[in-house]
N, C-alpha and C. Protein backbone atom coordinates (compact mmCIF):
# COMPACT_ATOMS: atom_id res chain seq x y z
N UNK A 1 254.90 223.20 203.20
CA UNK A 1 254.49 221.82 203.00
C UNK A 1 254.24 221.20 204.37
N UNK A 2 253.16 220.50 204.50
CA UNK A 2 252.87 219.82 205.76
C UNK A 2 252.32 218.43 205.47
N UNK A 3 252.58 217.53 206.39
CA UNK A 3 252.05 216.18 206.29
C UNK A 3 251.04 215.98 207.40
N UNK A 4 249.96 215.34 207.09
CA UNK A 4 248.98 215.01 208.12
C UNK A 4 248.38 213.66 207.79
N UNK A 5 247.95 212.95 208.81
CA UNK A 5 247.38 211.61 208.60
C UNK A 5 246.09 211.45 209.36
N UNK A 6 245.29 210.51 208.92
CA UNK A 6 244.05 210.21 209.62
C UNK A 6 243.84 208.71 209.58
N UNK A 7 243.15 208.16 210.58
CA UNK A 7 242.97 206.71 210.65
C UNK A 7 242.03 206.20 209.57
N UNK A 8 242.25 204.96 209.19
CA UNK A 8 241.41 204.30 208.19
C UNK A 8 241.39 202.81 208.49
N UNK A 9 240.54 202.10 207.80
CA UNK A 9 240.48 200.63 207.91
C UNK A 9 240.72 200.04 206.52
N UNK A 10 241.48 198.94 206.48
CA UNK A 10 241.77 198.24 205.23
C UNK A 10 241.25 196.82 205.37
N UNK A 11 240.59 196.32 204.33
CA UNK A 11 240.08 194.95 204.36
C UNK A 11 240.94 194.10 203.43
N UNK A 12 241.61 193.10 204.01
CA UNK A 12 242.42 192.16 203.24
C UNK A 12 241.59 190.92 202.96
N UNK A 13 241.67 190.43 201.74
CA UNK A 13 241.02 189.18 201.36
C UNK A 13 242.10 188.09 201.37
N UNK A 14 242.06 187.20 202.35
CA UNK A 14 243.07 186.16 202.51
C UNK A 14 242.52 184.84 201.99
N UNK A 15 243.29 184.17 201.12
CA UNK A 15 242.85 182.91 200.54
C UNK A 15 242.95 181.78 201.56
N UNK A 16 241.92 180.93 201.59
CA UNK A 16 241.93 179.72 202.41
C UNK A 16 242.16 178.55 201.46
N UNK A 17 243.20 177.76 201.73
CA UNK A 17 243.57 176.65 200.85
C UNK A 17 242.97 175.33 201.34
N UNK A 18 242.63 174.45 200.39
CA UNK A 18 242.17 173.12 200.77
C UNK A 18 243.38 172.19 200.92
N UNK A 19 243.12 170.90 201.10
CA UNK A 19 244.21 169.95 201.36
C UNK A 19 245.12 169.77 200.14
N UNK A 20 244.67 170.14 198.94
CA UNK A 20 245.49 170.02 197.73
C UNK A 20 246.19 171.33 197.37
N UNK A 21 246.02 172.35 198.22
CA UNK A 21 246.69 173.62 197.97
C UNK A 21 245.93 174.55 197.04
N UNK A 22 244.68 174.24 196.76
CA UNK A 22 243.87 175.11 195.91
C UNK A 22 243.07 176.09 196.76
N UNK A 23 242.76 177.24 196.20
CA UNK A 23 241.96 178.23 196.92
C UNK A 23 240.52 177.75 196.98
N UNK A 24 239.99 177.64 198.20
CA UNK A 24 238.60 177.19 198.34
C UNK A 24 237.67 178.34 198.67
N UNK A 25 238.18 179.36 199.38
CA UNK A 25 237.37 180.53 199.68
C UNK A 25 238.30 181.64 200.15
N UNK A 26 237.72 182.80 200.44
CA UNK A 26 238.48 183.94 200.94
C UNK A 26 237.88 184.40 202.26
N UNK A 27 238.75 184.72 203.21
CA UNK A 27 238.33 185.30 204.48
C UNK A 27 238.72 186.77 204.50
N UNK A 28 237.87 187.60 205.06
CA UNK A 28 238.15 189.03 205.18
C UNK A 28 238.78 189.31 206.53
N UNK A 29 239.89 190.05 206.50
CA UNK A 29 240.56 190.49 207.72
C UNK A 29 240.63 192.01 207.67
N UNK A 30 240.11 192.66 208.71
CA UNK A 30 240.13 194.12 208.78
C UNK A 30 241.34 194.55 209.61
N UNK A 31 242.13 195.48 209.07
CA UNK A 31 243.30 195.99 209.77
C UNK A 31 243.23 197.50 209.83
N UNK A 32 243.83 198.06 210.87
CA UNK A 32 243.91 199.51 211.00
C UNK A 32 245.02 200.04 210.11
N UNK A 33 244.82 201.21 209.56
CA UNK A 33 245.81 201.84 208.70
C UNK A 33 245.84 203.34 208.98
N UNK A 34 246.82 204.01 208.42
CA UNK A 34 246.91 205.46 208.54
C UNK A 34 247.14 206.04 207.16
N UNK A 35 246.26 206.93 206.75
CA UNK A 35 246.38 207.60 205.45
C UNK A 35 247.19 208.86 205.67
N UNK A 36 248.27 209.01 204.90
CA UNK A 36 249.13 210.19 205.03
C UNK A 36 249.01 211.00 203.75
N UNK A 37 248.66 212.26 203.90
CA UNK A 37 248.54 213.16 202.75
C UNK A 37 249.53 214.29 202.90
N UNK A 38 249.95 214.82 201.79
CA UNK A 38 250.89 215.93 201.77
C UNK A 38 250.20 217.15 201.21
N UNK A 39 250.21 218.23 201.96
CA UNK A 39 249.62 219.48 201.51
C UNK A 39 250.72 220.41 201.03
N UNK A 40 250.64 220.84 199.78
CA UNK A 40 251.65 221.73 199.20
C UNK A 40 251.01 223.10 198.93
N UNK A 41 251.81 224.11 199.09
CA UNK A 41 251.33 225.45 198.73
C UNK A 41 252.09 225.91 197.51
N UNK A 42 251.45 226.74 196.70
CA UNK A 42 252.05 227.23 195.46
C UNK A 42 252.63 228.63 195.63
N UNK A 43 253.20 228.90 196.78
CA UNK A 43 253.80 230.20 197.02
C UNK A 43 255.22 230.22 196.48
N UNK A 44 255.57 231.29 195.74
CA UNK A 44 256.93 231.42 195.19
C UNK A 44 257.58 232.68 195.66
């Protein structure tokens, strides 16, 4: 079993509130992420 990761980007949609606390629009924020996958072998 081995673990390996590779870089990725994630886009968050953040709500922008007006003066009454209601959602008026959404802003996109891009963040770096790391995808981790697990490789398994079927050896017995």
